[in-house]
Amino acid sequence: MTVTIVGSQLGDEGKGGVVDIYGDGADVVVRYQGGDNAGHTVVSDGETYKLSLVPSGAVRGKIGVLGNGCVVNPETLFDELDELRDRGLDPDVRVAARAHVIMPYHRVLDGIEETEKDDLAAGTTKRGIGPTYEDKAGRRGVRIGDLLDPETLRSRLEYVVPQKRALAGDVYGAELDEAFDIDALYERALEYGDRLADEEMVVDCGAFLADRLDAGDEVMFEGAQGTALDIDYGVYPYVTSSNPTAGGVAVGAGVPPSVVGDGEVIGIVKAYLSRVGTGPLPTELGGVEGQTPDYEPGSVPDDEAELATWIRDQGGEYGTVTGRPRRVGWLDMPMLRHAARTSGFTGIVVNHVDTLAGLDEVKVGHAYTMTTLDGDTVERDVVPPTTEQWGRCDARLKTFDGWPDVDWKAVADDGWDALPEAARTYLAYIADELDVPVYAVGVGPGRDETVVRVDPFA
C-alpha cells in the first residue's frame, strides 16, 4: 500500500518527523516535488538530522527516491549522503532520470531575481528552485539522465547557457563567472554523472516504483512545503514552484492516481501557524518587520506582540541560518479545510501541541469575514481562490481553554488519554471540522515524543 504525507499549512508542520515515526513500516520513501529548499528535521536516538533533499526515511535505512517531480542539486545530494555516511548511516537513494538538475546559473539567477521582484512574490531560499522549474516548463532544462550522456549534455548547455548569460549580464548587469561558462559547467556536470552512474543511483522512477509495489513493498510519499504554498492551490504568488498537495504524487513520482487514492493520505498540522515571508495571514499574532504586510513597529498591541514572541520562543520559530523571526499566528481552520478538500485526507497528525502549553486560552481562526470589492461583508469557511481576496479576510476566532505544561514524554508513553483534557478537546474540534481522525499527536521533537493512535501501515 501507499501512505502520502502532505503539509496542510505553510510548511514547517513537522512532516520529516512523521515520515520517521511511520517510516519503520515503509520499504521505500519517495520525494515527489521540490528540491533542497525543503527543511526536514528528524530526531532519532538523541541525534538530530537536518535534511533538505535526501528523503527522511534514510535515517531508518529505507530506500529513498527523488522522483521526476523534484529538482535536484547534485552537490547538495552528495553532501548530504556523505554527511550521513560520516555519521554511521548507509543511505540508499535513487534519483529519477527525468528529474531536472539545478545548475549553478539557476542559483545565481534566483538571487538576482529575488532582489529585482522585491515584494511581488514569496521570499525564496535562493537555491535555484524556481528558475529550474521555469526551465523545465520552458523545455530548456537539463535532466538527471542527461548527466550520463555527454553528447546530449553538451547540446543542452550550448542551447541554454547563452540565454542565461544574456539574462544575467545584459538584462541584470551581473558579473559573469563559471556559473555561466559552458566548458566549466560541462566538466562539473560530467563529474556528477560519473558518481551517479558509479553508485547506480539513476532509475526510471515510475517503473522502479511499479516493480516495488508489484513486489508488495510499502511505499511512503513525502511531500515538502505545504498546501498553502502549492503553486496552483496556494496563496499565489507567495508560493513555491511545485505541487506539494497529494495530486502532485502521480505526476511527481510516476504512479497512477489510483495508487495514491487507494492508500492513506495524512495531513500534517502544526497546532498554530508559522511562516517565513510576506503575504496575507489572517490569524497572525504580532508582526515581523519586512515580512508582515503594512507592519510598522508599535502598530500591534503590546499584549499581542508579547504573545507572538512567547509562542515564537517556545516553538523555536526562528530561521535556522539567518535567525530571523518567523511570523506566527493561531491555527487557521479555513486553511485546513482547504487542504483537506484538496488532498483528500484520510487522517491527520497534529504537532507542537506542547508548544502552546501554559496559555490560559488558545484561539483558532474558525472562519473568515471577507470584505468584497463592493464593500459587502461575507462569511467564508475556506480560503478564497485569490490572494487579494484572502488579504481582505479577517479571522473570526473561537476560544478554547488552555492546557498545562506536563511531562510530555510520559504522555507519549501513556497514550491519548494521558493528554490534558483541554488539549483533547482542541484536537477533537480539529478532527470534527475536517471530518477525519487524529492519527497521532506530536508533543516533542523526538521519535518517542509522539502519541501514536493509528499506524497506517498496520
Protein backbone atom coordinates (compact mmCIF):
# COMPACT_ATOMS: atom_id res chain seq x y z
CA MET A 1 0.00 0.00 0.00
CA THR A 2 0.97 3.66 -0.05
CA VAL A 3 0.96 6.44 2.51
CA THR A 4 1.21 10.06 1.38
CA ILE A 5 2.42 12.75 3.79
CA VAL A 6 1.14 16.25 2.97
CA GLY A 7 1.78 19.55 4.72
CA SER A 8 -1.58 21.20 5.35
CA GLN A 9 -0.40 24.74 6.06
CA LEU A 10 2.61 26.85 5.09
CA GLY A 11 5.33 24.24 5.51
CA ASP A 12 7.31 23.51 8.68
CA GLU A 13 4.49 21.36 10.07
CA GLY A 14 6.84 18.53 11.08
CA LYS A 15 6.49 16.27 8.06
CA GLY A 16 10.00 14.84 8.34
CA GLY A 17 9.37 13.70 11.88
CA VAL A 18 6.12 12.00 10.84
CA VAL A 19 7.90 10.21 7.99
CA ASP A 20 10.41 8.97 10.56
CA ILE A 21 7.72 7.88 13.02
CA TYR A 22 5.75 5.89 10.45
CA GLY A 23 8.81 5.05 8.36
CA ASP A 24 9.54 1.78 10.11
CA GLY A 25 6.62 0.26 8.22
CA ALA A 26 7.75 1.57 4.84
CA ASP A 27 10.18 -0.06 2.46
CA VAL A 28 10.58 2.93 0.15
CA VAL A 29 10.25 6.68 0.86
CA VAL A 30 9.74 8.95 -2.16
CA ARG A 31 10.09 12.71 -2.51
CA TYR A 32 7.72 13.74 -5.32
CA GLN A 33 8.33 17.51 -5.61
CA GLY A 34 10.55 20.37 -4.56
CA GLY A 35 14.28 20.41 -4.06
CA ASP A 36 16.80 21.41 -1.42
CA ASN A 37 14.52 24.27 -0.38
CA ALA A 38 12.88 21.78 1.97
CA GLY A 39 13.97 21.51 5.57
CA HIS A 40 13.07 18.22 7.23
CA THR A 41 14.38 17.58 10.73
CA VAL A 42 14.49 14.07 12.17
CA VAL A 43 15.47 13.35 15.78
CA SER A 44 16.47 9.74 16.34
CA ASP A 45 18.12 8.24 19.43
CA GLY A 46 19.11 11.72 20.57
CA GLU A 47 20.70 12.54 17.21
CA THR A 48 19.33 15.38 15.09
CA TYR A 49 19.46 15.04 11.32
CA LYS A 50 18.63 18.05 9.14
CA LEU A 51 17.80 17.01 5.59
CA SER A 52 16.91 19.23 2.68
CA LEU A 53 16.96 16.79 -0.23
CA VAL A 54 17.52 13.20 0.89
CA PRO A 55 14.16 11.60 1.84
CA SER A 56 13.67 11.42 5.61
CA GLY A 57 13.38 7.63 5.54
CA ALA A 58 17.16 7.46 5.10
CA VAL A 59 17.56 7.77 8.87
CA ARG A 60 15.70 4.46 9.26
CA GLY A 61 17.66 2.79 6.47
CA LYS A 62 14.85 2.83 3.93
CA ILE A 63 15.33 3.16 0.18
CA GLY A 64 14.90 6.81 -0.75
CA VAL A 65 13.77 8.03 -4.16
CA LEU A 66 13.84 11.52 -5.63
CA GLY A 67 11.04 11.49 -8.18
CA ASN A 68 10.84 13.19 -11.55
CA GLY A 69 8.79 15.98 -9.96
CA CYS A 70 11.84 17.02 -7.94
CA VAL A 71 14.59 19.42 -8.94
CA VAL A 72 17.96 18.11 -7.81
CA ASN A 73 21.16 19.91 -6.94
CA PRO A 74 23.72 17.08 -7.20
CA GLU A 75 26.16 18.94 -4.95
CA THR A 76 23.59 19.11 -2.15
CA LEU A 77 22.65 15.49 -2.69
CA PHE A 78 26.21 14.23 -2.43
CA ASP A 79 27.00 16.47 0.55
CA GLU A 80 24.01 15.08 2.47
CA LEU A 81 24.82 11.50 1.56
CA ASP A 82 28.44 11.93 2.61
CA GLU A 83 27.44 13.52 5.92
CA LEU A 84 25.00 10.70 6.70
CA ARG A 85 27.69 8.15 5.94
CA ASP A 86 30.16 10.00 8.13
CA ARG A 87 27.62 9.68 10.94
CA GLY A 88 27.41 5.92 10.57
CA LEU A 89 24.35 5.57 8.33
CA ASP A 90 24.22 3.82 4.96
CA PRO A 91 21.70 5.75 2.84
CA ASP A 92 20.38 4.11 -0.34
CA VAL A 93 19.00 6.86 -2.57
CA ARG A 94 17.81 6.61 -6.17
CA VAL A 95 17.20 9.59 -8.47
CA ALA A 96 14.70 9.74 -11.32
CA ALA A 97 16.34 10.09 -14.73
CA ARG A 98 13.54 12.55 -15.61
CA ALA A 99 14.19 14.83 -12.62
CA HIS A 100 15.62 18.22 -13.55
CA VAL A 101 19.04 19.41 -12.43
CA ILE A 102 19.59 22.64 -10.53
CA MET A 103 22.56 24.17 -12.33
CA PRO A 104 24.87 26.84 -10.85
CA TYR A 105 23.33 29.53 -13.07
CA HIS A 106 19.91 28.77 -11.60
CA ARG A 107 21.17 29.66 -8.13
CA VAL A 108 22.79 32.88 -9.31
CA LEU A 109 19.69 33.98 -11.20
CA ASP A 110 17.46 33.08 -8.25
CA GLY A 111 19.35 35.54 -6.08
CA ILE A 112 19.27 38.27 -8.74
CA GLU A 113 15.58 37.86 -9.49
CA GLU A 114 14.68 37.75 -5.80
CA THR A 115 16.20 41.20 -5.38
CA GLU A 116 14.52 42.55 -8.52
CA LYS A 117 11.00 41.34 -7.80
CA ASP A 118 11.02 42.80 -4.28
CA ASP A 119 7.64 42.02 -2.63
CA LEU A 120 5.88 40.62 -5.70
CA ALA A 121 6.29 37.04 -4.57
CA ALA A 122 7.35 34.89 -1.64
CA GLY A 123 10.91 35.19 -0.43
CA THR A 124 12.82 32.25 -1.88
CA THR A 125 15.67 30.23 -0.44
CA LYS A 126 17.83 31.39 -3.40
CA ARG A 127 18.72 27.78 -4.14
CA GLY A 128 17.63 27.91 -7.77
CA ILE A 129 14.35 26.06 -7.33
CA GLY A 130 12.07 28.47 -9.21
CA PRO A 131 14.45 29.10 -12.16
CA THR A 132 14.92 25.33 -12.59
CA TYR A 133 11.18 24.74 -12.75
CA GLU A 134 10.92 27.66 -15.19
CA ASP A 135 13.43 25.96 -17.49
CA LYS A 136 11.56 22.67 -17.12
CA ALA A 137 8.34 24.31 -18.29
CA GLY A 138 10.25 26.21 -20.98
CA ARG A 139 11.73 22.93 -22.32
CA ARG A 140 15.29 24.09 -21.90
CA GLY A 141 16.18 22.17 -18.76
CA VAL A 142 18.95 19.69 -18.05
CA ARG A 143 17.72 16.37 -16.63
CA ILE A 144 19.49 13.84 -14.45
CA GLY A 145 19.62 11.38 -17.35
CA ASP A 146 21.47 13.97 -19.41
CA LEU A 147 24.38 13.91 -16.96
CA LEU A 148 25.10 10.35 -18.07
CA ASP A 149 25.02 11.25 -21.78
CA PRO A 150 27.93 13.57 -22.67
CA GLU A 151 26.72 14.44 -26.16
CA THR A 152 23.22 15.33 -25.04
CA LEU A 153 24.55 17.24 -22.05
CA ARG A 154 26.81 19.36 -24.23
CA SER A 155 23.96 20.09 -26.61
CA ARG A 156 21.66 21.16 -23.78
CA LEU A 157 24.25 23.51 -22.29
CA GLU A 158 25.15 25.09 -25.63
CA TYR A 159 21.48 25.90 -26.12
CA VAL A 160 20.61 27.26 -22.69
CA VAL A 161 23.77 28.88 -21.31
CA PRO A 162 23.94 31.74 -23.87
CA GLN A 163 20.37 32.63 -22.87
CA LYS A 164 21.34 32.70 -19.21
CA ARG A 165 24.43 34.79 -19.93
CA ALA A 166 22.32 37.33 -21.76
CA LEU A 167 19.75 37.43 -18.98
CA ALA A 168 22.30 37.81 -16.20
CA GLY A 169 24.72 40.11 -17.99
CA ASP A 170 22.69 42.16 -20.46
CA VAL A 171 19.42 42.45 -18.53
CA TYR A 172 20.59 42.50 -14.91
CA GLY A 173 24.16 43.70 -15.38
CA ALA A 174 25.58 40.87 -13.29
CA GLU A 175 29.21 39.83 -13.37
CA LEU A 176 29.55 36.53 -15.21
CA ASP A 177 31.61 33.75 -13.64
CA GLU A 178 31.97 29.98 -14.01
CA ALA A 179 28.25 29.59 -13.41
CA PHE A 180 27.82 30.82 -17.00
CA ASP A 181 30.83 29.10 -18.59
CA ILE A 182 29.81 26.20 -20.82
CA ASP A 183 33.08 24.30 -20.52
CA ALA A 184 33.24 24.60 -16.72
CA LEU A 185 29.60 23.59 -16.36
CA TYR A 186 30.07 20.65 -18.70
CA GLU A 187 33.05 19.26 -16.80
CA ARG A 188 31.35 19.62 -13.43
CA ALA A 189 28.14 18.03 -14.68
CA LEU A 190 30.04 15.07 -16.12
CA GLU A 191 31.64 14.51 -12.70
CA TYR A 192 28.19 14.45 -11.13
CA GLY A 193 27.04 11.99 -13.79
CA ASP A 194 30.01 9.73 -13.17
CA ARG A 195 29.22 9.48 -9.46
CA LEU A 196 25.53 8.88 -10.11
CA ALA A 197 26.45 6.08 -12.52
CA ASP A 198 29.13 4.59 -10.26
CA GLU A 199 26.67 4.36 -7.37
CA GLU A 200 23.85 3.12 -9.66
CA MET A 201 21.53 5.84 -8.40
CA VAL A 202 19.65 6.75 -11.59
CA VAL A 203 16.33 4.97 -12.19
CA ASP A 204 13.20 5.18 -14.28
CA CYS A 205 11.13 6.28 -11.29
CA GLY A 206 7.69 5.13 -12.42
CA ALA A 207 8.95 1.71 -13.48
CA PHE A 208 11.06 1.35 -10.32
CA LEU A 209 8.09 2.10 -8.06
CA ALA A 210 5.73 -0.11 -10.10
CA ASP A 211 8.11 -3.03 -9.59
CA ARG A 212 8.36 -2.35 -5.86
CA LEU A 213 4.58 -2.09 -5.47
CA ASP A 214 4.06 -5.27 -7.50
CA ALA A 215 6.51 -6.99 -5.17
CA GLY A 216 4.35 -5.98 -2.21
CA ASP A 217 6.54 -3.21 -0.84
CA GLU A 218 5.07 -0.48 1.34
CA VAL A 219 5.72 2.95 -0.18
CA MET A 220 5.57 6.35 1.51
CA PHE A 221 5.38 9.60 -0.46
CA GLU A 222 6.97 12.51 1.39
CA GLY A 223 5.75 15.99 0.49
CA ALA A 224 7.78 19.14 1.04
CA GLN A 225 6.46 22.64 1.83
CA GLY A 226 2.69 22.82 2.41
CA THR A 227 -0.72 23.19 0.77
CA ALA A 228 -0.83 26.97 1.11
CA LEU A 229 2.48 27.07 -0.81
CA ASP A 230 1.21 24.91 -3.70
CA ILE A 231 1.70 26.79 -6.97
CA ASP A 232 -1.89 26.03 -8.05
CA TYR A 233 -3.77 25.81 -4.75
CA GLY A 234 -1.70 28.10 -2.54
CA VAL A 235 -1.63 31.83 -1.91
CA TYR A 236 -0.14 32.75 -5.28
CA PRO A 237 2.32 34.40 -5.88
CA TYR A 238 3.60 33.75 -2.31
CA VAL A 239 4.11 30.09 -3.15
CA THR A 240 6.69 27.50 -4.13
CA SER A 241 7.17 26.29 -7.71
CA SER A 242 5.67 22.81 -7.42
CA ASN A 243 2.63 20.88 -6.16
CA PRO A 244 3.05 19.69 -2.54
CA THR A 245 -0.57 18.50 -2.46
CA ALA A 246 -1.48 14.83 -2.93
CA GLY A 247 -2.29 15.40 -6.59
CA GLY A 248 1.40 16.07 -7.17
CA VAL A 249 2.30 12.49 -6.30
CA ALA A 250 1.04 10.89 -9.51
CA VAL A 251 2.98 13.15 -11.88
CA GLY A 252 5.90 13.71 -9.50
CA ALA A 253 6.59 10.03 -8.83
CA GLY A 254 5.17 8.37 -11.94
CA VAL A 255 2.45 6.31 -10.28
CA PRO A 256 -1.23 6.17 -11.28
CA PRO A 257 -3.63 8.42 -9.30
CA SER A 258 -5.46 5.28 -8.20
CA VAL A 259 -2.35 4.14 -6.33
CA VAL A 260 -2.47 7.31 -4.25
CA GLY A 261 -6.23 7.23 -3.86
CA ASP A 262 -6.27 3.63 -2.68
CA GLY A 263 -3.77 4.42 0.07
CA GLU A 264 -3.66 6.73 3.07
CA VAL A 265 -3.25 10.49 2.71
CA ILE A 266 -2.18 12.04 6.00
CA GLY A 267 -2.32 15.79 6.54
CA ILE A 268 0.32 17.18 8.89
CA VAL A 269 -0.88 20.08 11.05
CA LYS A 270 1.04 22.39 13.33
CA ALA A 271 -1.13 23.35 16.34
CA TYR A 272 -0.60 27.01 15.41
CA LEU A 273 0.69 28.77 12.29
CA SER A 274 4.16 29.86 11.30
CA ARG A 275 5.64 31.11 8.08
CA VAL A 276 8.58 32.96 6.58
CA GLY A 277 7.90 35.65 4.03
CA THR A 278 5.23 38.10 3.12
CA GLY A 279 1.61 37.58 2.08
CA PRO A 280 -1.72 37.57 3.93
CA LEU A 281 -2.05 35.71 7.25
CA PRO A 282 -5.47 36.44 8.79
CA THR A 283 -4.74 34.77 12.16
CA GLU A 284 -1.32 36.41 12.60
CA LEU A 285 -0.22 37.47 16.06
CA GLY A 286 2.14 40.37 16.45
CA GLY A 287 4.06 41.00 13.27
CA VAL A 288 7.52 40.83 11.77
CA GLU A 289 9.10 43.84 10.14
CA GLY A 290 9.88 43.20 6.49
CA GLN A 291 7.51 40.23 6.30
CA THR A 292 4.09 41.22 7.67
CA PRO A 293 2.32 43.40 5.08
CA ASP A 294 1.98 47.06 6.17
CA TYR A 295 3.54 46.27 9.54
CA GLU A 296 5.19 49.07 11.48
CA PRO A 297 6.85 48.72 14.89
CA GLY A 298 4.42 49.78 17.59
CA SER A 299 1.36 49.22 15.43
CA VAL A 300 0.42 45.98 17.23
CA PRO A 301 -0.96 45.94 20.81
CA ASP A 302 1.70 45.07 23.36
CA ASP A 303 -0.10 42.00 24.66
CA GLU A 304 -0.44 40.55 21.17
CA ALA A 305 3.22 41.22 20.37
CA GLU A 306 4.26 39.60 23.66
CA LEU A 307 2.12 36.54 22.95
CA ALA A 308 3.60 36.22 19.47
CA THR A 309 7.11 36.40 20.91
CA TRP A 310 6.25 33.81 23.56
CA ILE A 311 4.93 31.29 21.00
CA ARG A 312 7.87 32.03 18.73
CA ASP A 313 10.31 31.32 21.55
CA GLN A 314 8.50 28.22 22.76
CA GLY A 315 8.35 26.78 19.26
CA GLY A 316 11.81 27.88 18.16
CA GLU A 317 10.29 29.80 15.27
CA TYR A 318 13.47 31.44 14.05
CA GLY A 319 15.35 30.91 10.80
CA THR A 320 17.95 28.16 11.10
CA VAL A 321 20.58 30.11 9.19
CA THR A 322 19.56 33.75 9.50
CA GLY A 323 17.98 33.72 12.95
CA ARG A 324 15.16 35.84 11.57
CA PRO A 325 11.88 35.54 13.49
CA ARG A 326 9.09 33.71 11.70
CA ARG A 327 5.58 35.08 11.60
CA VAL A 328 3.25 33.19 13.94
CA GLY A 329 -0.50 33.04 14.36
CA TRP A 330 -3.38 30.99 15.65
CA LEU A 331 -4.48 27.85 13.83
CA ASP A 332 -6.38 28.78 10.65
CA MET A 333 -9.29 26.39 10.13
CA PRO A 334 -10.31 27.68 6.67
CA MET A 335 -6.76 26.88 5.54
CA LEU A 336 -7.06 23.36 6.95
CA ARG A 337 -10.46 22.77 5.35
CA HIS A 338 -8.99 23.83 2.02
CA ALA A 339 -6.05 21.45 2.48
CA ALA A 340 -8.25 18.51 3.47
CA ARG A 341 -10.55 19.05 0.50
CA THR A 342 -7.67 19.47 -1.95
CA SER A 343 -5.74 16.34 -0.94
CA GLY A 344 -8.47 14.12 0.48
CA PHE A 345 -7.00 13.45 3.91
CA THR A 346 -7.81 10.10 5.48
CA GLY A 347 -6.24 11.19 8.78
CA ILE A 348 -4.21 13.98 10.36
CA VAL A 349 -1.20 14.33 12.64
CA VAL A 350 -1.16 17.40 14.89
CA ASN A 351 2.28 18.54 16.03
CA HIS A 352 3.57 21.13 18.52
CA VAL A 353 0.70 20.66 20.97
CA ASP A 354 3.28 21.03 23.74
CA THR A 355 4.35 24.44 22.41
CA LEU A 356 1.02 26.01 23.39
CA ALA A 357 1.03 24.51 26.88
CA GLY A 358 0.76 27.05 29.69
CA LEU A 359 -1.54 29.51 27.94
CA ASP A 360 -4.78 30.42 29.72
CA GLU A 361 -6.63 30.20 26.44
CA VAL A 362 -5.93 29.06 22.90
CA LYS A 363 -7.70 30.51 19.89
CA VAL A 364 -8.50 29.25 16.43
CA GLY A 365 -9.50 31.14 13.30
CA HIS A 366 -12.77 29.24 12.84
CA ALA A 367 -13.95 31.16 9.76
CA TYR A 368 -13.38 34.39 7.85
CA THR A 369 -15.35 37.54 7.33
CA MET A 370 -14.35 38.93 3.93
CA THR A 371 -14.96 42.39 2.54
CA THR A 372 -15.86 42.29 -1.15
CA LEU A 373 -14.85 44.91 -3.71
CA ASP A 374 -18.40 46.27 -3.42
CA GLY A 375 -17.90 46.80 0.31
CA ASP A 376 -20.15 43.95 1.40
CA THR A 377 -19.16 41.54 4.18
CA VAL A 378 -19.47 37.82 3.52
CA GLU A 379 -18.60 34.71 5.51
CA ARG A 380 -16.13 32.13 4.24
CA ASP A 381 -15.16 28.80 5.80
CA VAL A 382 -12.35 28.04 3.31
CA VAL A 383 -9.52 30.06 1.81
CA PRO A 384 -10.79 32.21 -1.11
CA PRO A 385 -9.38 31.47 -4.58
CA THR A 386 -7.33 34.66 -4.98
CA THR A 387 -4.72 36.02 -2.64
CA GLU A 388 -6.16 39.51 -2.98
CA GLN A 389 -9.45 38.22 -1.57
CA TRP A 390 -7.58 36.42 1.18
CA GLY A 391 -5.93 39.70 2.11
CA ARG A 392 -9.39 41.19 2.72
CA CYS A 393 -10.29 38.44 5.17
CA ASP A 394 -10.45 38.82 8.93
CA ALA A 395 -10.42 35.76 11.15
CA ARG A 396 -13.46 35.01 13.29
CA LEU A 397 -11.86 33.46 16.35
CA LYS A 398 -13.07 30.59 18.51
CA THR A 399 -11.62 30.32 22.03
CA PHE A 400 -10.61 27.14 23.87
CA ASP A 401 -9.36 26.60 27.40
CA GLY A 402 -5.60 26.27 27.54
CA TRP A 403 -3.82 23.23 28.92
CA PRO A 404 -0.98 22.89 31.41
CA ASP A 405 2.62 22.06 30.73
CA VAL A 406 3.11 18.44 31.74
CA ASP A 407 5.63 15.64 31.42
CA TRP A 408 5.15 15.21 27.67
CA LYS A 409 7.45 12.21 27.46
CA ALA A 410 5.21 10.42 29.97
CA VAL A 411 2.16 11.47 27.94
CA ALA A 412 3.70 9.97 24.80
CA ASP A 413 4.37 6.74 26.67
CA ASP A 414 0.89 6.55 28.18
CA GLY A 415 -1.14 7.50 25.11
CA TRP A 416 -4.16 9.59 24.14
CA ASP A 417 -5.95 9.51 27.48
CA ALA A 418 -2.89 10.99 29.19
CA LEU A 419 -3.17 14.21 27.18
CA PRO A 420 -4.63 17.11 29.18
CA GLU A 421 -8.40 17.18 28.74
CA ALA A 422 -8.36 20.67 27.23
CA ALA A 423 -5.80 19.54 24.62
CA ARG A 424 -8.01 16.58 23.71
CA THR A 425 -10.96 18.95 23.31
CA TYR A 426 -8.89 21.13 20.99
CA LEU A 427 -7.78 18.13 18.92
CA ALA A 428 -11.31 16.73 18.74
CA TYR A 429 -12.52 20.08 17.38
CA ILE A 430 -9.93 19.95 14.57
CA ALA A 431 -10.84 16.37 13.71
CA ASP A 432 -14.58 17.13 13.69
CA GLU A 433 -14.16 20.17 11.46
CA LEU A 434 -12.11 18.18 8.93
CA ASP A 435 -14.15 15.00 9.35
CA VAL A 436 -11.01 12.86 9.69
CA PRO A 437 -9.47 11.09 12.68
CA VAL A 438 -6.34 12.18 14.52
CA TYR A 439 -3.72 9.54 13.76
CA ALA A 440 -1.01 10.96 16.01
CA VAL A 441 -0.14 13.94 18.22
CA GLY A 442 3.34 15.42 18.39
CA VAL A 443 4.30 16.55 21.91
CA GLY A 444 8.04 16.99 21.36
CA PRO A 445 10.73 16.75 18.67
CA GLY A 446 11.90 13.20 19.28
CA ARG A 447 10.68 9.95 17.73
CA ASP A 448 9.49 8.83 21.17
CA GLU A 449 7.63 12.08 21.87
CA THR A 450 4.55 11.33 19.80
CA VAL A 451 1.20 9.91 20.82
CA VAL A 452 0.51 7.39 18.03
CA ARG A 453 -3.11 6.31 17.73
CA VAL A 454 -3.13 4.80 14.22
CA ASP A 455 -0.31 3.17 12.28
CA PRO A 456 -1.29 3.49 8.59
CA PHE A 457 0.89 0.52 7.63
CA ALA A 458 -0.57 -1.79 10.26
